[in-house]
Amino acid sequence: MPVTLAQAKKQCQIETDFTDDDAHITELIEDAIAIIEQNTKSDVLDTTNVLEYEISAEGIQTLYRIMQSPLQSFTKLEAYANNAYTDVPAASYKVTEGFNNFEVEITGSVSATKLRFTFKTGYETAAKTPKPIKRAALVKVADLFYPERTSYTPGQPMKNTLYNDLIAPHIRRFW
């Protein structure tokens, strides 16, 4: 998790020795991370992904754009032929990472009816998670814990935009 229970309790102004709400706050941390992932359209938690692609009648394309990020690592590319998957040698493809996606370019000869891409997205450790994402998670935990107190700026009828300001640079837009 990119934020700890202790950090969330501090954000909510709860004494560390008060443990009655610990399970609830832990669930709120999980909810906050899920909300951030949904709002940014990207993984925050360390996630292993497997994507299968059925080859069309035209044959294998040379370039595949995969709309998931942030890419930690591309684990392997497999080709399905003769009722079995086999690894495609790394020399037969090239992976290029972008902000919203990554691309796999087939540079060698590959014969298959399906391709399977295995890769990891998200941030490997809490230390690698960008600070604005961590701060947004803490703001969202406090919003969820005290919905009547934190979503609005005191004395002002307008909504507090801190959460949106923190995640804005990390939002993946696909068009």
C-alpha atoms as a PDB file:
ATOM      1  CA  MET A   1       0.000   0.000   0.000  1.00  0.00           C
ATOM      2  CA  PRO A   2       1.324   3.440  -0.832  1.00  0.00           C
ATOM      3  CA  VAL A   3       0.102   4.872   2.499  1.00  0.00           C
ATOM      4  CA  THR A   4       0.176   3.327   5.945  1.00  0.00           C
ATOM      5  CA  LEU A   5      -2.475   3.096   8.624  1.00  0.00           C
ATOM      6  CA  ALA A   6      -0.405   5.463  10.785  1.00  0.00           C
ATOM      7  CA  GLN A   7      -0.300   8.075   7.986  1.00  0.00           C
ATOM      8  CA  ALA A   8      -4.059   7.773   7.430  1.00  0.00           C
ATOM      9  CA  LYS A   9      -4.771   8.132  11.158  1.00  0.00           C
ATOM     10  CA  LYS A  10      -2.596  11.250  11.264  1.00  0.00           C
ATOM     11  CA  GLN A  11      -4.470  12.705   8.253  1.00  0.00           C
ATOM     12  CA  CYS A  12      -7.784  12.014  10.019  1.00  0.00           C
ATOM     13  CA  GLN A  13      -6.403  13.453  13.289  1.00  0.00           C
ATOM     14  CA  ILE A  14      -6.853  10.178  15.189  1.00  0.00           C
ATOM     15  CA  GLU A  15      -4.499   9.277  18.022  1.00  0.00           C
ATOM     16  CA  THR A  16      -2.199   6.370  17.143  1.00  0.00           C
ATOM     17  CA  ASP A  17      -3.063   4.499  20.354  1.00  0.00           C
ATOM     18  CA  PHE A  18      -6.808   4.582  19.546  1.00  0.00           C
ATOM     19  CA  THR A  19      -7.344   1.359  17.586  1.00  0.00           C
ATOM     20  CA  ASP A  20     -11.146   0.968  17.465  1.00  0.00           C
ATOM     21  CA  ASP A  21     -11.320   2.319  13.894  1.00  0.00           C
ATOM     22  CA  ASP A  22      -8.169   0.657  12.511  1.00  0.00           C
ATOM     23  CA  ALA A  23      -9.978  -1.989  10.436  1.00  0.00           C
ATOM     24  CA  HIS A  24     -12.360   0.633   9.044  1.00  0.00           C
ATOM     25  CA  ILE A  25      -9.522   3.018   8.173  1.00  0.00           C
ATOM     26  CA  THR A  26      -7.616   0.178   6.480  1.00  0.00           C
ATOM     27  CA  GLU A  27     -10.684  -0.451   4.298  1.00  0.00           C
ATOM     28  CA  LEU A  28     -10.876   3.271   3.540  1.00  0.00           C
ATOM     29  CA  ILE A  29      -7.235   3.204   2.388  1.00  0.00           C
ATOM     30  CA  GLU A  30      -8.105   0.364  -0.007  1.00  0.00           C
ATOM     31  CA  ASP A  31     -11.183   2.296  -1.204  1.00  0.00           C
ATOM     32  CA  ALA A  32      -9.138   5.471  -1.705  1.00  0.00           C
ATOM     33  CA  ILE A  33      -6.571   3.615  -3.828  1.00  0.00           C
ATOM     34  CA  ALA A  34      -9.362   2.048  -5.912  1.00  0.00           C
ATOM     35  CA  ILE A  35     -10.901   5.501  -6.456  1.00  0.00           C
ATOM     36  CA  ILE A  36      -7.532   6.924  -7.533  1.00  0.00           C
ATOM     37  CA  GLU A  37      -7.012   4.033  -9.952  1.00  0.00           C
ATOM     38  CA  GLN A  38     -10.462   4.647 -11.418  1.00  0.00           C
ATOM     39  CA  ASN A  39      -9.994   8.425 -11.634  1.00  0.00           C
ATOM     40  CA  THR A  40      -6.493   8.258 -13.171  1.00  0.00           C
ATOM     41  CA  LYS A  41      -7.273   5.244 -15.388  1.00  0.00           C
ATOM     42  CA  SER A  42      -4.037   3.606 -14.262  1.00  0.00           C
ATOM     43  CA  ASP A  43      -2.808   1.116 -11.701  1.00  0.00           C
ATOM     44  CA  VAL A  44      -1.396   2.359  -8.419  1.00  0.00           C
ATOM     45  CA  LEU A  45      -0.872  -1.020  -6.791  1.00  0.00           C
ATOM     46  CA  ASP A  46       1.636  -3.537  -8.127  1.00  0.00           C
ATOM     47  CA  THR A  47      -0.465  -5.479 -10.682  1.00  0.00           C
ATOM     48  CA  THR A  48       0.359  -8.421 -12.937  1.00  0.00           C
ATOM     49  CA  ASN A  49      -1.626  -8.346 -16.179  1.00  0.00           C
ATOM     50  CA  VAL A  50      -2.179 -10.963 -18.876  1.00  0.00           C
ATOM     51  CA  LEU A  51      -3.698  -9.823 -22.150  1.00  0.00           C
ATOM     52  CA  GLU A  52      -4.649 -12.247 -24.912  1.00  0.00           C
ATOM     53  CA  TYR A  53      -5.011 -11.066 -28.483  1.00  0.00           C
ATOM     54  CA  GLU A  54      -6.709 -13.155 -31.174  1.00  0.00           C
ATOM     55  CA  ILE A  55      -4.949 -12.844 -34.519  1.00  0.00           C
ATOM     56  CA  SER A  56      -7.228 -11.737 -37.352  1.00  0.00           C
ATOM     57  CA  ALA A  57      -7.343 -13.288 -40.822  1.00  0.00           C
ATOM     58  CA  GLU A  58      -4.859 -10.640 -42.025  1.00  0.00           C
ATOM     59  CA  GLY A  59      -2.185 -12.111 -39.756  1.00  0.00           C
ATOM     60  CA  ILE A  60       0.038 -10.718 -37.049  1.00  0.00           C
ATOM     61  CA  GLN A  61       0.349  -6.945 -36.866  1.00  0.00           C
ATOM     62  CA  THR A  62       3.798  -5.506 -36.341  1.00  0.00           C
ATOM     63  CA  LEU A  63       2.734  -3.007 -33.657  1.00  0.00           C
ATOM     64  CA  TYR A  64       0.454  -3.500 -30.624  1.00  0.00           C
ATOM     65  CA  ARG A  65      -0.476  -0.544 -28.425  1.00  0.00           C
ATOM     66  CA  ILE A  66      -1.527  -1.599 -24.930  1.00  0.00           C
ATOM     67  CA  MET A  67      -3.471   1.063 -23.032  1.00  0.00           C
ATOM     68  CA  GLN A  68      -2.275   0.367 -19.497  1.00  0.00           C
ATOM     69  CA  SER A  69       0.202   2.240 -17.352  1.00  0.00           C
ATOM     70  CA  PRO A  70       2.456   2.947 -15.576  1.00  0.00           C
ATOM     71  CA  LEU A  71       4.478   0.046 -16.969  1.00  0.00           C
ATOM     72  CA  GLN A  72       6.863  -1.542 -14.480  1.00  0.00           C
ATOM     73  CA  SER A  73       8.088  -4.356 -16.663  1.00  0.00           C
ATOM     74  CA  PHE A  74       7.153  -6.383 -19.684  1.00  0.00           C
ATOM     75  CA  THR A  75       7.507  -9.996 -18.603  1.00  0.00           C
ATOM     76  CA  LYS A  76       6.958 -11.969 -21.780  1.00  0.00           C
ATOM     77  CA  LEU A  77       5.265 -12.370 -25.114  1.00  0.00           C
ATOM     78  CA  GLU A  78       3.868 -15.787 -26.002  1.00  0.00           C
ATOM     79  CA  ALA A  79       2.570 -17.124 -29.317  1.00  0.00           C
ATOM     80  CA  TYR A  80      -0.220 -19.697 -29.522  1.00  0.00           C
ATOM     81  CA  ALA A  81       0.168 -22.312 -32.244  1.00  0.00           C
ATOM     82  CA  ASN A  82      -0.465 -26.057 -32.395  1.00  0.00           C
ATOM     83  CA  ASN A  83      -2.652 -25.930 -29.242  1.00  0.00           C
ATOM     84  CA  ALA A  84       0.103 -24.540 -27.008  1.00  0.00           C
ATOM     85  CA  TYR A  85       1.712 -21.253 -25.996  1.00  0.00           C
ATOM     86  CA  THR A  86       5.455 -20.827 -26.511  1.00  0.00           C
ATOM     87  CA  ASP A  87       7.660 -17.906 -25.498  1.00  0.00           C
ATOM     88  CA  VAL A  88       8.616 -15.484 -28.245  1.00  0.00           C
ATOM     89  CA  PRO A  89      12.346 -14.681 -27.950  1.00  0.00           C
ATOM     90  CA  ALA A  90      12.998 -11.148 -26.652  1.00  0.00           C
ATOM     91  CA  ALA A  91      15.085 -10.457 -29.768  1.00  0.00           C
ATOM     92  CA  SER A  92      11.868 -10.791 -31.830  1.00  0.00           C
ATOM     93  CA  TYR A  93      10.088  -7.804 -30.263  1.00  0.00           C
ATOM     94  CA  LYS A  94      10.744  -4.348 -28.836  1.00  0.00           C
ATOM     95  CA  VAL A  95       8.799  -2.646 -25.996  1.00  0.00           C
ATOM     96  CA  THR A  96       8.462   1.158 -25.862  1.00  0.00           C
ATOM     97  CA  GLU A  97       6.805   2.876 -22.905  1.00  0.00           C
ATOM     98  CA  GLY A  98       4.622   5.972 -23.217  1.00  0.00           C
ATOM     99  CA  PHE A  99       2.635   7.975 -20.654  1.00  0.00           C
ATOM    100  CA  ASN A 100      -0.785   6.487 -21.455  1.00  0.00           C
ATOM    101  CA  ASN A 101       0.342   3.167 -22.863  1.00  0.00           C
ATOM    102  CA  PHE A 102       3.174   1.050 -24.092  1.00  0.00           C
ATOM    103  CA  GLU A 103       3.846  -0.479 -27.465  1.00  0.00           C
ATOM    104  CA  VAL A 104       5.122  -3.900 -28.426  1.00  0.00           C
ATOM    105  CA  GLU A 105       6.654  -4.008 -31.885  1.00  0.00           C
ATOM    106  CA  ILE A 106       7.152  -7.419 -33.462  1.00  0.00           C
ATOM    107  CA  THR A 107      10.533  -7.250 -35.176  1.00  0.00           C
ATOM    108  CA  GLY A 108      11.075 -10.935 -35.936  1.00  0.00           C
ATOM    109  CA  SER A 109       9.117 -13.747 -37.518  1.00  0.00           C
ATOM    110  CA  VAL A 110       6.216 -14.947 -35.340  1.00  0.00           C
ATOM    111  CA  SER A 111       3.600 -17.473 -36.417  1.00  0.00           C
ATOM    112  CA  ALA A 112       0.496 -17.818 -34.203  1.00  0.00           C
ATOM    113  CA  THR A 113      -3.298 -17.698 -33.941  1.00  0.00           C
ATOM    114  CA  LYS A 114      -3.142 -15.800 -30.619  1.00  0.00           C
ATOM    115  CA  LEU A 115      -0.636 -13.678 -28.739  1.00  0.00           C
ATOM    116  CA  ARG A 116      -0.418 -13.384 -24.967  1.00  0.00           C
ATOM    117  CA  PHE A 117       1.246 -10.364 -23.357  1.00  0.00           C
ATOM    118  CA  THR A 118       2.297 -10.582 -19.686  1.00  0.00           C
ATOM    119  CA  PHE A 119       3.363  -7.388 -17.930  1.00  0.00           C
ATOM    120  CA  LYS A 120       3.362  -5.543 -14.609  1.00  0.00           C
ATOM    121  CA  THR A 121       1.843  -2.122 -14.012  1.00  0.00           C
ATOM    122  CA  GLY A 122       1.498   0.148 -10.985  1.00  0.00           C
ATOM    123  CA  TYR A 123       4.175   1.150  -8.528  1.00  0.00           C
ATOM    124  CA  GLU A 124       6.339  -1.660  -7.189  1.00  0.00           C
ATOM    125  CA  THR A 125       6.749  -0.166  -3.713  1.00  0.00           C
ATOM    126  CA  ALA A 126       5.337   2.674  -1.643  1.00  0.00           C
ATOM    127  CA  ALA A 127       8.662   4.477  -2.087  1.00  0.00           C
ATOM    128  CA  LYS A 128       8.178   4.484  -5.884  1.00  0.00           C
ATOM    129  CA  THR A 129       4.635   5.866  -5.705  1.00  0.00           C
ATOM    130  CA  PRO A 130       4.629   9.584  -6.621  1.00  0.00           C
ATOM    131  CA  LYS A 131       4.097  11.848  -3.602  1.00  0.00           C
ATOM    132  CA  PRO A 132       0.993  13.538  -5.087  1.00  0.00           C
ATOM    133  CA  ILE A 133      -0.671  10.110  -5.427  1.00  0.00           C
ATOM    134  CA  LYS A 134       0.141   9.308  -1.780  1.00  0.00           C
ATOM    135  CA  ARG A 135      -1.175  12.699  -0.649  1.00  0.00           C
ATOM    136  CA  ALA A 136      -4.333  12.248  -2.771  1.00  0.00           C
ATOM    137  CA  ALA A 137      -4.895   8.865  -1.095  1.00  0.00           C
ATOM    138  CA  LEU A 138      -4.647  10.485   2.340  1.00  0.00           C
ATOM    139  CA  VAL A 139      -7.001  13.304   1.325  1.00  0.00           C
ATOM    140  CA  LYS A 140      -9.493  10.759  -0.024  1.00  0.00           C
ATOM    141  CA  VAL A 141      -9.253   8.649   3.174  1.00  0.00           C
ATOM    142  CA  ALA A 142     -10.094  11.742   5.226  1.00  0.00           C
ATOM    143  CA  ASP A 143     -12.946  12.580   2.824  1.00  0.00           C
ATOM    144  CA  LEU A 144     -14.340   9.077   3.264  1.00  0.00           C
ATOM    145  CA  PHE A 145     -13.846   9.088   7.049  1.00  0.00           C
ATOM    146  CA  TYR A 146     -15.300  12.577   7.603  1.00  0.00           C
ATOM    147  CA  PRO A 147     -17.447  13.253   4.519  1.00  0.00           C
ATOM    148  CA  GLU A 148     -19.196  16.241   6.107  1.00  0.00           C
ATOM    149  CA  ARG A 149     -15.933  17.966   7.115  1.00  0.00           C
ATOM    150  CA  THR A 150     -13.288  17.542   4.451  1.00  0.00           C
ATOM    151  CA  SER A 151     -14.950  17.754   1.048  1.00  0.00           C
ATOM    152  CA  TYR A 152     -15.610  21.466   1.415  1.00  0.00           C
ATOM    153  CA  THR A 153     -13.383  24.366   2.402  1.00  0.00           C
ATOM    154  CA  PRO A 154     -14.532  25.723   5.806  1.00  0.00           C
ATOM    155  CA  GLY A 155     -16.646  28.869   5.494  1.00  0.00           C
ATOM    156  CA  GLN A 156     -16.866  28.559   1.722  1.00  0.00           C
ATOM    157  CA  PRO A 157     -19.713  27.001  -0.274  1.00  0.00           C
ATOM    158  CA  MET A 158     -17.330  25.686  -2.945  1.00  0.00           C
ATOM    159  CA  LYS A 159     -15.846  22.204  -3.062  1.00  0.00           C
ATOM    160  CA  ASN A 160     -12.210  21.725  -2.072  1.00  0.00           C
ATOM    161  CA  THR A 161     -10.238  20.812  -5.223  1.00  0.00           C
ATOM    162  CA  LEU A 162      -7.064  19.525  -3.521  1.00  0.00           C
ATOM    163  CA  TYR A 163      -7.694  15.863  -4.415  1.00  0.00           C
ATOM    164  CA  ASN A 164      -8.329  16.687  -8.087  1.00  0.00           C
ATOM    165  CA  ASP A 165      -5.298  18.991  -8.186  1.00  0.00           C
ATOM    166  CA  LEU A 166      -3.077  16.211  -6.831  1.00  0.00           C
ATOM    167  CA  ILE A 167      -4.157  13.529  -9.304  1.00  0.00           C
ATOM    168  CA  ALA A 168      -4.520  15.799 -12.376  1.00  0.00           C
ATOM    169  CA  PRO A 169      -0.956  15.257 -13.717  1.00  0.00           C
ATOM    170  CA  HIS A 170      -1.390  11.474 -13.378  1.00  0.00           C
ATOM    171  CA  ILE A 171      -4.685  11.124 -15.281  1.00  0.00           C
ATOM    172  CA  ARG A 172      -4.325   9.025 -18.427  1.00  0.00           C
ATOM    173  CA  ARG A 173      -6.492  10.342 -21.236  1.00  0.00           C
ATOM    174  CA  PHE A 174      -7.289   8.081 -24.161  1.00  0.00           C
ATOM    175  CA  TRP A 175      -8.667   9.598 -27.343  1.00  0.00           C
END
